[in-house]
Amino acid sequence: MMNTIQVQLGARSYPIYIGVDNLCKSDILTRHIKSKQVVIVTNETVAPLYLEKVKAHLQPYQLEEVILPDGEQYKTLAIMENIFDALLAGKFSRNTTLIALGGGVIGDISGFAAACYQRGIPFIQIPTTLLAQVDSSVGGKTGVNHALGKNMIGAFYQPQSVIIDVNVLNTLDDRQLSAGLAEVIKYGLIRDAEFFSWVEANIEKILARDQDSLIYIIEQSCQNKAEIVAADEKESGIRAILNLGHTFGHAIETGAGYGTYLHGEGVAIGTCQAADLSRRLGWLNDADVVRIITLFKKAGLPTEPPSELSAEEMISLMAVDKKNVDGDIRLILLNKIGEASLPVGVERALLLETLNEYGREQ
């Protein structure tokens, strides 16, 4: 059983293969490799689980592997140098295919390395976490973090394909599974109220890793993202709504120290804050906000910001964001469940109310 979703970007279009045992299917991997040189980038957690399975399909190729440390704190320019070292030492050409085998960190850092090496080489995404499968592997956003801001150094660079094997989620721990659900819930909130309701009704089956339910949420999430990316590849308009909760969430991830919160955990808290601010603007009602927070909690996600980050610290960190214009913090908020706003500026007083009051009541 396999479903294919096409990301429609003209000459840069590519398929997303979603199915069971896709890591065992040589043809969907090798059909997107155009030369005899391949470098697999993975991490210390994923390598023992899946590296040999991928390598088994690549025996005829000149093959190199790069195993990076695991964690958001290693998503840096310094760590990316390891990929360049392997490419240069092995005399890999500009036709080399880079394969990103791992979660969002591996996908982002490998994609950015592919965009930079000899000004661009092909790469393939094989995401192994739910968050990477439903979000970061699709759409061509690549990059690394800086001490002052998350994902502020990077490039738009599309993969040749995305290969999703639902079976890899069997080795994913519960915390990582929940982190991926933050992005799943996001799609329902920003443009698909029916999907949001479906996730609400089926959250227990999803958490129990019911295979049909997992396949459905991955397909629906990828379809939603593919349509948005096709309409706005480089985030000049509608694609910005994919950042619901991310300005708050990135500030939390940065301020707490990379790795303290998983990306999905930061997004969950940030989305609850965005919902609270939307309520203060009169766009959502109290029942909407309760419904949103309740679903994140049922998904096993945090919904309250860290107490050690003050409102002023949050604002300072939120000022380092790609959506901001001329120093003005611009946020994605919710007009209603199923409809997000484009980036909007918000009065500082209202923003401070959310940062000072939401989740901080004694």
Protein backbone atom coordinates (compact mmCIF):
# COMPACT_ATOMS: atom_id res chain seq x y z
CA MET A 1 0.00 0.00 0.00
CA MET A 2 1.48 3.33 -1.06
CA ASN A 3 0.08 6.75 -1.81
CA THR A 4 1.96 9.40 -3.79
CA ILE A 5 1.39 13.13 -3.35
CA GLN A 6 2.98 15.49 -5.85
CA VAL A 7 4.41 18.84 -4.80
CA GLN A 8 3.68 20.90 -7.91
CA LEU A 9 6.54 23.32 -8.53
CA GLY A 10 7.09 23.12 -12.27
CA ALA A 11 10.58 21.88 -13.04
CA ARG A 12 11.22 21.44 -9.30
CA SER A 13 8.16 19.25 -8.70
CA TYR A 14 8.69 16.06 -6.71
CA PRO A 15 6.76 13.15 -5.21
CA ILE A 16 6.07 12.31 -1.57
CA TYR A 17 5.78 8.53 -1.22
CA ILE A 18 3.71 7.48 1.82
CA GLY A 19 3.36 3.82 2.67
CA VAL A 20 4.29 0.74 4.65
CA ASP A 21 7.78 -0.79 4.21
CA ASN A 22 8.91 1.94 1.82
CA LEU A 23 12.47 1.54 3.14
CA CYS A 24 12.41 -1.96 1.64
CA LYS A 25 11.55 -0.74 -1.87
CA SER A 26 14.70 -0.06 -3.88
CA ASP A 27 12.94 1.37 -6.91
CA ILE A 28 11.40 4.41 -5.20
CA LEU A 29 14.83 5.40 -3.90
CA THR A 30 17.09 4.64 -6.85
CA ARG A 31 14.80 6.18 -9.49
CA HIS A 32 15.70 9.59 -8.06
CA ILE A 33 19.49 9.03 -8.01
CA LYS A 34 21.05 10.29 -11.23
CA SER A 35 24.73 9.54 -10.67
CA LYS A 36 26.88 6.82 -9.10
CA GLN A 37 27.83 8.88 -6.05
CA VAL A 38 25.71 8.93 -2.92
CA VAL A 39 26.27 10.30 0.60
CA ILE A 40 23.88 9.36 3.41
CA VAL A 41 23.62 11.79 6.32
CA THR A 42 22.06 10.42 9.51
CA ASN A 43 22.56 10.59 13.28
CA GLU A 44 23.72 8.38 16.10
CA THR A 45 20.17 7.38 17.04
CA VAL A 46 18.84 6.53 13.59
CA ALA A 47 21.97 4.91 12.14
CA PRO A 48 21.76 1.67 14.17
CA LEU A 49 18.09 1.31 13.23
CA TYR A 50 17.88 2.11 9.53
CA LEU A 51 21.24 2.94 7.93
CA GLU A 52 22.02 -0.61 6.78
CA LYS A 53 18.52 -1.00 5.37
CA VAL A 54 19.05 2.05 3.14
CA LYS A 55 22.62 1.10 2.23
CA ALA A 56 21.40 -2.32 1.05
CA HIS A 57 19.76 -0.61 -1.94
CA LEU A 58 22.92 1.30 -2.86
CA GLN A 59 25.63 -1.35 -3.37
CA PRO A 60 26.41 -0.32 -6.97
CA TYR A 61 27.13 3.27 -5.89
CA GLN A 62 30.19 5.06 -4.54
CA LEU A 63 28.76 5.40 -1.06
CA GLU A 64 29.78 7.44 1.97
CA GLU A 65 27.96 7.89 5.28
CA VAL A 66 28.08 10.82 7.69
CA ILE A 67 26.81 10.14 11.20
CA LEU A 68 26.11 13.30 13.19
CA PRO A 69 25.27 13.71 16.88
CA ASP A 70 21.56 13.69 17.66
CA GLY A 71 19.76 16.79 18.90
CA GLU A 72 18.60 20.31 18.06
CA GLN A 73 21.69 21.74 19.77
CA TYR A 74 23.80 20.21 16.98
CA LYS A 75 21.94 21.93 14.15
CA THR A 76 24.78 24.39 13.55
CA LEU A 77 27.18 25.57 10.87
CA ALA A 78 30.03 23.90 12.76
CA ILE A 79 28.36 20.48 12.66
CA MET A 80 27.40 20.96 8.99
CA GLU A 81 31.14 21.15 8.23
CA ASN A 82 31.25 17.37 8.80
CA ILE A 83 29.13 16.88 5.70
CA PHE A 84 31.36 19.11 3.59
CA ASP A 85 34.46 17.34 4.92
CA ALA A 86 33.11 13.97 3.73
CA LEU A 87 32.04 15.34 0.34
CA LEU A 88 35.39 16.98 -0.32
CA ALA A 89 37.55 14.17 1.05
CA GLY A 90 35.69 11.67 -1.14
CA LYS A 91 35.92 13.94 -4.19
CA PHE A 92 32.17 13.84 -4.66
CA SER A 93 30.96 15.72 -7.73
CA ARG A 94 28.11 18.17 -8.22
CA ASN A 95 25.91 15.28 -9.40
CA THR A 96 26.19 13.48 -6.07
CA THR A 97 22.92 12.70 -4.32
CA LEU A 98 22.73 13.49 -0.62
CA ILE A 99 20.25 11.37 1.35
CA ALA A 100 18.89 12.80 4.61
CA LEU A 101 17.96 9.86 6.84
CA GLY A 102 16.55 11.12 10.12
CA GLY A 103 14.30 13.66 11.76
CA GLY A 104 13.89 17.36 11.17
CA VAL A 105 17.39 18.33 12.27
CA ILE A 106 19.02 15.90 9.83
CA GLY A 107 16.67 16.94 7.04
CA ASP A 108 17.26 20.66 7.58
CA ILE A 109 21.04 20.46 7.93
CA SER A 110 21.46 17.99 5.05
CA GLY A 111 19.25 20.02 2.76
CA PHE A 112 21.21 23.18 3.52
CA ALA A 113 24.49 21.35 2.89
CA ALA A 114 23.08 20.10 -0.43
CA ALA A 115 22.06 23.64 -1.36
CA CYS A 116 25.58 24.92 -0.62
CA TYR A 117 27.93 22.19 -1.89
CA GLN A 118 29.19 23.18 -5.34
CA ARG A 119 26.22 25.59 -5.37
CA GLY A 120 23.67 22.81 -5.26
CA ILE A 121 23.51 19.03 -5.46
CA PRO A 122 20.43 16.76 -5.48
CA PHE A 123 19.10 15.44 -2.19
CA ILE A 124 16.42 13.02 -1.01
CA GLN A 125 14.48 13.18 2.25
CA ILE A 126 13.83 9.97 4.23
CA PRO A 127 12.18 11.34 7.40
CA THR A 128 12.12 9.06 10.44
CA THR A 129 10.05 11.12 12.92
CA LEU A 130 6.39 12.04 12.65
CA LEU A 131 7.24 15.75 12.74
CA ALA A 132 9.65 15.40 9.83
CA GLN A 133 7.19 13.25 7.89
CA VAL A 134 4.29 15.69 8.17
CA ASP A 135 6.20 18.96 7.99
CA SER A 136 9.94 19.62 7.80
CA SER A 137 10.77 17.15 5.01
CA VAL A 138 8.26 18.78 2.66
CA GLY A 139 8.58 22.23 1.13
CA GLY A 140 12.30 22.86 0.76
CA LYS A 141 13.02 24.88 3.89
CA THR A 142 16.57 24.03 4.93
CA GLY A 143 18.92 25.61 7.43
CA VAL A 144 20.69 25.72 10.75
CA ASN A 145 20.27 27.55 14.04
CA HIS A 146 22.25 30.42 15.49
CA ALA A 147 22.64 31.21 19.19
CA LEU A 148 20.50 34.32 18.63
CA GLY A 149 17.75 32.76 16.54
CA LYS A 150 16.36 29.48 15.24
CA ASN A 151 16.48 28.70 11.49
CA MET A 152 17.80 32.15 10.63
CA ILE A 153 20.55 30.78 8.35
CA GLY A 154 19.36 28.66 5.44
CA ALA A 155 17.93 28.39 1.95
CA PHE A 156 14.85 27.29 0.07
CA TYR A 157 16.03 24.13 -1.69
CA GLN A 158 13.65 21.40 -2.82
CA PRO A 159 14.42 17.67 -2.58
CA GLN A 160 14.17 15.20 -5.44
CA SER A 161 11.67 13.15 -3.44
CA VAL A 162 10.40 12.44 0.06
CA ILE A 163 10.16 8.78 1.08
CA ILE A 164 7.94 8.12 4.10
CA ASP A 165 7.79 4.67 5.69
CA VAL A 166 5.12 4.60 8.38
CA ASN A 167 6.79 1.57 9.97
CA VAL A 168 9.71 3.67 11.24
CA LEU A 169 7.30 5.27 13.71
CA ASN A 170 7.29 1.96 15.61
CA THR A 171 10.74 2.86 17.00
CA LEU A 172 9.83 6.46 17.79
CA ASP A 173 9.46 7.28 21.47
CA ASP A 174 6.21 8.70 22.81
CA ARG A 175 7.60 12.19 23.33
CA GLN A 176 8.74 12.44 19.71
CA LEU A 177 5.40 11.10 18.46
CA SER A 178 3.56 13.78 20.44
CA ALA A 179 5.92 16.44 19.11
CA GLY A 180 4.92 15.51 15.57
CA LEU A 181 1.26 15.82 16.45
CA ALA A 182 1.77 19.54 17.12
CA GLU A 183 2.31 20.08 13.40
CA VAL A 184 -0.58 17.75 12.50
CA ILE A 185 -2.95 19.77 14.68
CA LYS A 186 -1.58 22.95 13.11
CA TYR A 187 -2.85 21.96 9.65
CA GLY A 188 -6.36 21.59 11.01
CA LEU A 189 -6.17 24.96 12.73
CA ILE A 190 -4.85 26.95 9.77
CA ARG A 191 -6.99 25.63 6.90
CA ASP A 192 -8.81 22.35 7.56
CA ALA A 193 -11.39 22.45 10.34
CA GLU A 194 -12.77 19.04 9.32
CA PHE A 195 -9.32 17.50 9.78
CA PHE A 196 -8.98 19.20 13.19
CA SER A 197 -12.26 17.60 14.26
CA TRP A 198 -11.12 14.21 12.95
CA VAL A 199 -7.91 14.41 14.99
CA GLU A 200 -9.96 15.38 18.07
CA ALA A 201 -12.19 12.33 17.60
CA ASN A 202 -9.32 9.92 16.93
CA ILE A 203 -6.49 11.14 19.15
CA GLU A 204 -6.48 7.97 21.28
CA LYS A 205 -6.10 5.75 18.18
CA ILE A 206 -3.30 7.98 16.89
CA LEU A 207 -1.42 7.81 20.20
CA ALA A 208 -1.89 4.02 20.19
CA ARG A 209 -0.12 4.06 16.78
CA ASP A 210 -3.02 2.61 14.84
CA GLN A 211 -1.45 2.23 11.41
CA ASP A 212 -4.44 3.39 9.37
CA SER A 213 -4.80 6.48 11.55
CA LEU A 214 -1.10 7.33 11.22
CA ILE A 215 -1.21 6.95 7.45
CA TYR A 216 -4.29 9.20 7.30
CA ILE A 217 -2.80 12.04 9.35
CA ILE A 218 0.46 11.90 7.38
CA GLU A 219 -1.37 11.97 4.04
CA GLN A 220 -3.68 14.81 5.06
CA SER A 221 -0.82 16.85 6.50
CA CYS A 222 1.40 16.36 3.45
CA GLN A 223 -1.48 17.17 1.10
CA ASN A 224 -2.20 20.40 2.97
CA LYS A 225 1.45 21.41 2.96
CA ALA A 226 1.98 20.44 -0.69
CA GLU A 227 -0.91 22.66 -1.76
CA ILE A 228 0.38 25.62 0.25
CA VAL A 229 3.96 25.23 -1.00
CA ALA A 230 2.77 24.92 -4.61
CA ALA A 231 0.90 28.21 -4.22
CA ASP A 232 3.77 30.06 -2.49
CA GLU A 233 7.14 28.31 -2.59
CA LYS A 234 9.25 31.01 -0.95
CA GLU A 235 6.83 32.34 1.64
CA SER A 236 5.93 35.67 0.09
CA GLY A 237 2.27 35.18 0.96
CA ILE A 238 0.02 32.29 2.00
CA ARG A 239 2.86 29.94 3.02
CA ALA A 240 3.45 32.11 6.08
CA ILE A 241 0.37 30.57 7.74
CA LEU A 242 2.40 27.38 8.23
CA ASN A 243 4.20 29.34 10.95
CA LEU A 244 1.23 29.42 13.32
CA GLY A 245 2.71 29.29 16.83
CA HIS A 246 6.27 29.28 15.51
CA THR A 247 7.28 32.83 16.46
CA PHE A 248 6.36 32.13 20.08
CA GLY A 249 7.69 28.57 19.82
CA HIS A 250 11.06 29.46 18.32
CA ALA A 251 11.55 32.06 21.04
CA ILE A 252 10.88 29.39 23.67
CA GLU A 253 13.27 26.93 22.02
CA THR A 254 16.01 29.55 21.76
CA GLY A 255 15.49 31.08 25.20
CA ALA A 256 15.30 27.77 27.02
CA GLY A 257 18.38 26.45 25.18
CA TYR A 258 18.23 24.30 22.05
CA GLY A 259 17.23 20.76 22.95
CA THR A 260 15.35 21.63 26.14
CA TYR A 261 12.07 21.67 24.23
CA LEU A 262 11.49 19.62 21.11
CA HIS A 263 10.38 21.72 18.15
CA GLY A 264 6.84 20.35 18.31
CA GLU A 265 6.65 21.13 22.01
CA GLY A 266 7.63 24.73 21.37
CA VAL A 267 5.06 24.93 18.57
CA ALA A 268 2.34 23.52 20.83
CA ILE A 269 2.96 26.13 23.52
CA GLY A 270 3.30 28.85 20.90
CA THR A 271 0.05 27.88 19.21
CA CYS A 272 -1.78 28.05 22.53
CA GLN A 273 -0.32 31.52 23.05
CA ALA A 274 -1.37 32.51 19.52
CA ALA A 275 -4.88 31.25 20.27
CA ASP A 276 -4.96 33.27 23.49
CA LEU A 277 -3.87 36.40 21.64
CA SER A 278 -6.47 35.73 18.92
CA ARG A 279 -9.11 35.62 21.68
CA ARG A 280 -7.91 38.94 23.08
CA LEU A 281 -8.38 40.42 19.61
CA GLY A 282 -11.93 39.07 19.49
CA TRP A 283 -11.25 36.57 16.72
CA LEU A 284 -11.67 33.38 18.78
CA ASN A 285 -14.09 32.79 21.64
CA ASP A 286 -13.28 31.18 24.98
CA ALA A 287 -14.67 27.81 23.88
CA ASP A 288 -12.39 27.77 20.82
CA VAL A 289 -9.31 28.39 22.96
CA VAL A 290 -10.29 25.69 25.45
CA ARG A 291 -10.86 23.26 22.58
CA ILE A 292 -7.40 23.98 21.13
CA ILE A 293 -5.58 23.69 24.46
CA THR A 294 -7.47 20.50 25.32
CA LEU A 295 -6.41 18.77 22.11
CA PHE A 296 -2.75 19.64 22.62
CA LYS A 297 -2.96 18.30 26.17
CA LYS A 298 -4.62 15.07 24.99
CA ALA A 299 -1.80 14.73 22.43
CA GLY A 300 0.68 14.69 25.31
CA LEU A 301 2.10 18.14 24.62
CA PRO A 302 2.98 21.03 26.94
CA THR A 303 0.69 24.04 26.71
CA GLU A 304 2.26 26.52 29.15
CA PRO A 305 5.41 28.60 28.61
CA PRO A 306 8.51 28.16 30.78
CA SER A 307 8.26 30.37 33.85
CA GLU A 308 11.92 31.38 33.63
CA LEU A 309 11.38 33.30 30.37
CA SER A 310 9.96 36.75 31.08
CA ALA A 311 7.65 38.60 28.71
CA GLU A 312 10.41 41.06 27.81
CA GLU A 313 12.84 38.23 27.09
CA MET A 314 10.24 36.59 24.88
CA ILE A 315 9.66 39.82 22.95
CA SER A 316 13.40 40.24 22.45
CA LEU A 317 13.67 36.71 21.08
CA MET A 318 10.52 37.05 18.96
CA ALA A 319 12.06 40.12 17.31
CA VAL A 320 14.47 37.73 15.57
CA ASP A 321 11.95 36.22 13.15
CA LYS A 322 11.78 35.98 9.37
CA LYS A 323 8.20 37.33 9.23
CA ASN A 324 9.06 40.60 10.96
CA VAL A 325 9.14 43.81 8.94
CA ASP A 326 11.19 46.89 9.92
CA GLY A 327 11.48 45.66 13.50
CA ASP A 328 7.72 45.10 13.81
CA ILE A 329 6.82 41.66 15.26
CA ARG A 330 4.34 40.04 12.91
CA LEU A 331 2.39 36.98 13.96
CA ILE A 332 0.20 34.29 12.43
CA LEU A 333 -3.05 34.21 14.40
CA LEU A 334 -6.42 32.47 14.04
CA ASN A 335 -9.54 34.06 12.59
CA LYS A 336 -11.34 30.85 13.57
CA ILE A 337 -10.55 27.16 13.86
CA GLY A 338 -9.71 26.22 10.28
CA GLU A 339 -8.60 29.68 9.14
CA ALA A 340 -5.35 31.50 9.93
CA SER A 341 -4.47 35.11 9.29
CA LEU A 342 -1.56 36.26 7.22
CA PRO A 343 1.21 37.88 9.31
CA VAL A 344 -0.23 40.76 11.33
CA GLY A 345 1.28 43.32 13.63
CA VAL A 346 -0.23 43.40 17.11
CA GLU A 347 -0.23 46.17 19.69
CA ARG A 348 2.59 45.61 22.15
CA ALA A 349 0.17 45.97 25.08
CA LEU A 350 -1.97 43.07 23.86
CA LEU A 351 1.07 40.92 23.15
CA LEU A 352 2.37 41.64 26.64
CA GLU A 353 -0.98 40.61 28.11
CA THR A 354 -0.65 37.18 26.52
CA LEU A 355 3.02 36.83 27.45
CA ASN A 356 2.42 37.95 31.03
CA GLU A 357 -0.87 36.21 31.69
CA TYR A 358 -1.37 33.12 29.51
CA GLY A 359 -0.24 30.03 31.41
CA ARG A 360 1.33 32.12 34.17
CA GLU A 361 -1.65 32.49 36.51
CA GLN A 362 -0.76 31.65 40.09
